[in-house]
Amino acid sequence: MNHKIKEVLREKTKFSYTYDFGSSTKLDLNVVNVFKAGEREEKISVLARNNQPEIKCSHCDNLAEFVCPDCIYNSGGWYCSNCLDKHEENDCMRETDNLLPVVNSPRAGVCAYSGS
């Protein structure tokens, strides 16, 4: 494929993108606006930023601060700091010290991603 993004996407276009085929994350995206900038020497460093998701702890109504990538798919692996002891009650082999932080990314909890 040898296309420029401006040749493919238009305002209100909806599309999906699969990131990392080893531990895939499917993103559903849409173009909400098109901004035509004048020519400049600097390159754009950020095109868009998603809003921080408000993920609730799997065990109470607090916001989650940690995620267990091993428990996320079967026993609700999202934890606030008050409910970390609940993780130890699951039969998970991962130590509580090795849980991942909840980060502003669709990759939170996937493949040891910790936001950096």
C-alpha atoms as a PDB file:
ATOM      1  CA  MET A   1       0.000   0.000   0.000  1.00  0.00           C
ATOM      2  CA  ASN A   2       1.336   3.345  -0.982  1.00  0.00           C
ATOM      3  CA  HIS A   3      -1.398   5.855  -0.147  1.00  0.00           C
ATOM      4  CA  LYS A   4      -1.313   9.090   1.780  1.00  0.00           C
ATOM      5  CA  ILE A   5      -3.741   9.246   4.667  1.00  0.00           C
ATOM      6  CA  LYS A   6      -5.438  12.313   3.162  1.00  0.00           C
ATOM      7  CA  GLU A   7      -6.304  10.218   0.080  1.00  0.00           C
ATOM      8  CA  VAL A   8      -8.083   7.573   2.159  1.00  0.00           C
ATOM      9  CA  LEU A   9      -9.756   9.275   5.120  1.00  0.00           C
ATOM     10  CA  ARG A  10     -12.410  11.979   5.080  1.00  0.00           C
ATOM     11  CA  GLU A  11     -14.463  13.641   7.806  1.00  0.00           C
ATOM     12  CA  LYS A  12     -16.967  11.196   9.372  1.00  0.00           C
ATOM     13  CA  THR A  13     -15.050   8.175   8.026  1.00  0.00           C
ATOM     14  CA  LYS A  14     -15.217   5.207  10.416  1.00  0.00           C
ATOM     15  CA  PHE A  15     -12.565   2.507  10.253  1.00  0.00           C
ATOM     16  CA  SER A  16     -10.819  -0.106  12.349  1.00  0.00           C
ATOM     17  CA  TYR A  17      -7.174  -0.854  12.908  1.00  0.00           C
ATOM     18  CA  THR A  18      -5.589  -3.901  14.509  1.00  0.00           C
ATOM     19  CA  TYR A  19      -2.430  -3.141  16.442  1.00  0.00           C
ATOM     20  CA  ASP A  20       0.242  -5.783  17.065  1.00  0.00           C
ATOM     21  CA  PHE A  21      -0.760  -9.124  15.631  1.00  0.00           C
ATOM     22  CA  GLY A  22       1.039 -11.023  18.437  1.00  0.00           C
ATOM     23  CA  SER A  23      -1.286  -9.740  21.152  1.00  0.00           C
ATOM     24  CA  SER A  24      -3.827  -7.893  19.066  1.00  0.00           C
ATOM     25  CA  THR A  25      -5.753  -4.807  20.074  1.00  0.00           C
ATOM     26  CA  LYS A  26      -8.528  -3.777  17.698  1.00  0.00           C
ATOM     27  CA  LEU A  27      -9.233  -0.055  17.581  1.00  0.00           C
ATOM     28  CA  ASP A  28     -12.476   1.364  16.176  1.00  0.00           C
ATOM     29  CA  LEU A  29     -11.739   4.897  15.004  1.00  0.00           C
ATOM     30  CA  ASN A  30     -13.576   7.756  13.358  1.00  0.00           C
ATOM     31  CA  VAL A  31     -12.521  11.030  11.803  1.00  0.00           C
ATOM     32  CA  VAL A  32     -14.355  13.759  13.697  1.00  0.00           C
ATOM     33  CA  ASN A  33     -12.781  16.759  12.004  1.00  0.00           C
ATOM     34  CA  VAL A  34     -10.206  17.672   9.392  1.00  0.00           C
ATOM     35  CA  PHE A  35      -7.795  20.506  10.040  1.00  0.00           C
ATOM     36  CA  LYS A  36      -5.915  22.003   7.123  1.00  0.00           C
ATOM     37  CA  ALA A  37      -2.708  23.579   8.379  1.00  0.00           C
ATOM     38  CA  GLY A  38      -0.459  25.854   6.456  1.00  0.00           C
ATOM     39  CA  GLU A  39       2.944  24.575   5.418  1.00  0.00           C
ATOM     40  CA  ARG A  40       5.531  24.541   8.171  1.00  0.00           C
ATOM     41  CA  GLU A  41       8.875  22.968   8.835  1.00  0.00           C
ATOM     42  CA  GLU A  42       7.945  21.302  12.135  1.00  0.00           C
ATOM     43  CA  LYS A  43       6.224  17.946  11.968  1.00  0.00           C
ATOM     44  CA  ILE A  44       3.025  17.175  13.855  1.00  0.00           C
ATOM     45  CA  SER A  45       3.833  15.102  16.913  1.00  0.00           C
ATOM     46  CA  VAL A  46       0.303  14.341  18.204  1.00  0.00           C
ATOM     47  CA  LEU A  47      -2.690  13.918  15.904  1.00  0.00           C
ATOM     48  CA  ALA A  48      -5.237  13.003  18.566  1.00  0.00           C
ATOM     49  CA  ARG A  49      -5.542  11.869  22.131  1.00  0.00           C
ATOM     50  CA  ASN A  50      -8.173   9.605  23.594  1.00  0.00           C
ATOM     51  CA  ASN A  51      -9.923  10.504  26.829  1.00  0.00           C
ATOM     52  CA  GLN A  52      -8.786   8.606  29.904  1.00  0.00           C
ATOM     53  CA  PRO A  53     -11.236   5.715  30.265  1.00  0.00           C
ATOM     54  CA  GLU A  54     -13.037   5.489  33.594  1.00  0.00           C
ATOM     55  CA  ILE A  55     -12.670   1.801  34.344  1.00  0.00           C
ATOM     56  CA  LYS A  56     -14.307   0.664  37.565  1.00  0.00           C
ATOM     57  CA  CYS A  57     -12.726  -1.784  39.962  1.00  0.00           C
ATOM     58  CA  SER A  58     -14.177  -5.257  39.352  1.00  0.00           C
ATOM     59  CA  HIS A  59     -14.960  -5.553  43.070  1.00  0.00           C
ATOM     60  CA  CYS A  60     -16.334  -2.129  44.123  1.00  0.00           C
ATOM     61  CA  ASP A  61     -17.385   1.232  42.626  1.00  0.00           C
ATOM     62  CA  ASN A  62     -13.962   2.904  42.853  1.00  0.00           C
ATOM     63  CA  LEU A  63     -11.897   3.640  39.770  1.00  0.00           C
ATOM     64  CA  ALA A  64      -9.412   0.900  38.916  1.00  0.00           C
ATOM     65  CA  GLU A  65      -5.734   1.676  39.400  1.00  0.00           C
ATOM     66  CA  PHE A  66      -4.290  -1.738  38.512  1.00  0.00           C
ATOM     67  CA  VAL A  67      -5.010  -4.497  36.025  1.00  0.00           C
ATOM     68  CA  CYS A  68      -3.976  -8.154  36.002  1.00  0.00           C
ATOM     69  CA  PRO A  69      -3.389  -9.268  32.407  1.00  0.00           C
ATOM     70  CA  ASP A  70      -3.960 -12.881  33.459  1.00  0.00           C
ATOM     71  CA  CYS A  71      -7.331 -12.269  35.174  1.00  0.00           C
ATOM     72  CA  ILE A  72      -8.734  -9.593  32.861  1.00  0.00           C
ATOM     73  CA  TYR A  73     -10.494 -12.057  30.558  1.00  0.00           C
ATOM     74  CA  ASN A  74     -12.028 -14.426  33.083  1.00  0.00           C
ATOM     75  CA  SER A  75     -12.441 -13.057  36.597  1.00  0.00           C
ATOM     76  CA  GLY A  76     -12.533  -9.278  36.349  1.00  0.00           C
ATOM     77  CA  GLY A  77      -8.911  -8.249  36.610  1.00  0.00           C
ATOM     78  CA  TRP A  78      -9.419  -4.530  37.396  1.00  0.00           C
ATOM     79  CA  TYR A  79      -8.471  -3.450  40.942  1.00  0.00           C
ATOM     80  CA  CYS A  80      -8.420  -0.299  43.049  1.00  0.00           C
ATOM     81  CA  SER A  81      -5.800  -0.120  45.795  1.00  0.00           C
ATOM     82  CA  ASN A  82      -8.429  -1.034  48.420  1.00  0.00           C
ATOM     83  CA  CYS A  83      -9.315  -4.316  46.676  1.00  0.00           C
ATOM     84  CA  LEU A  84      -5.846  -5.700  45.895  1.00  0.00           C
ATOM     85  CA  ASP A  85      -6.411  -8.425  48.485  1.00  0.00           C
ATOM     86  CA  LYS A  86      -9.225  -9.752  46.251  1.00  0.00           C
ATOM     87  CA  HIS A  87      -6.592 -10.564  43.609  1.00  0.00           C
ATOM     88  CA  GLU A  88      -4.772 -12.779  46.065  1.00  0.00           C
ATOM     89  CA  GLU A  89      -8.042 -14.677  46.617  1.00  0.00           C
ATOM     90  CA  ASN A  90      -8.295 -15.498  42.868  1.00  0.00           C
ATOM     91  CA  ASP A  91      -6.246 -18.526  41.931  1.00  0.00           C
ATOM     92  CA  CYS A  92      -3.958 -16.365  39.805  1.00  0.00           C
ATOM     93  CA  MET A  93      -0.254 -17.197  39.637  1.00  0.00           C
ATOM     94  CA  ARG A  94       0.751 -13.552  39.109  1.00  0.00           C
ATOM     95  CA  GLU A  95       2.039 -11.766  42.206  1.00  0.00           C
ATOM     96  CA  THR A  96       0.124  -8.630  43.206  1.00  0.00           C
ATOM     97  CA  ASP A  97       3.421  -6.701  42.905  1.00  0.00           C
ATOM     98  CA  ASN A  98       3.416  -7.500  39.173  1.00  0.00           C
ATOM     99  CA  LEU A  99       0.035  -6.010  38.302  1.00  0.00           C
ATOM    100  CA  LEU A 100       0.089  -3.300  35.649  1.00  0.00           C
ATOM    101  CA  PRO A 101      -1.034   0.291  36.169  1.00  0.00           C
ATOM    102  CA  VAL A 102      -4.227   1.430  34.464  1.00  0.00           C
ATOM    103  CA  VAL A 103      -2.968   3.789  31.761  1.00  0.00           C
ATOM    104  CA  ASN A 104      -4.594   5.989  29.142  1.00  0.00           C
ATOM    105  CA  SER A 105      -4.270   3.491  26.314  1.00  0.00           C
ATOM    106  CA  PRO A 106      -6.355   0.850  24.574  1.00  0.00           C
ATOM    107  CA  ARG A 107      -3.381  -1.435  25.335  1.00  0.00           C
ATOM    108  CA  ALA A 108      -3.938  -1.225  29.121  1.00  0.00           C
ATOM    109  CA  GLY A 109      -3.640  -4.763  30.469  1.00  0.00           C
ATOM    110  CA  VAL A 110      -2.299  -6.196  27.205  1.00  0.00           C
ATOM    111  CA  CYS A 111       1.117  -7.787  26.875  1.00  0.00           C
ATOM    112  CA  ALA A 112       2.760  -6.083  29.896  1.00  0.00           C
ATOM    113  CA  TYR A 113       2.064  -2.581  28.522  1.00  0.00           C
ATOM    114  CA  SER A 114       2.562  -0.035  31.298  1.00  0.00           C
ATOM    115  CA  GLY A 115       2.273   3.222  29.393  1.00  0.00           C
ATOM    116  CA  SER A 116       5.838   3.862  28.323  1.00  0.00           C
END
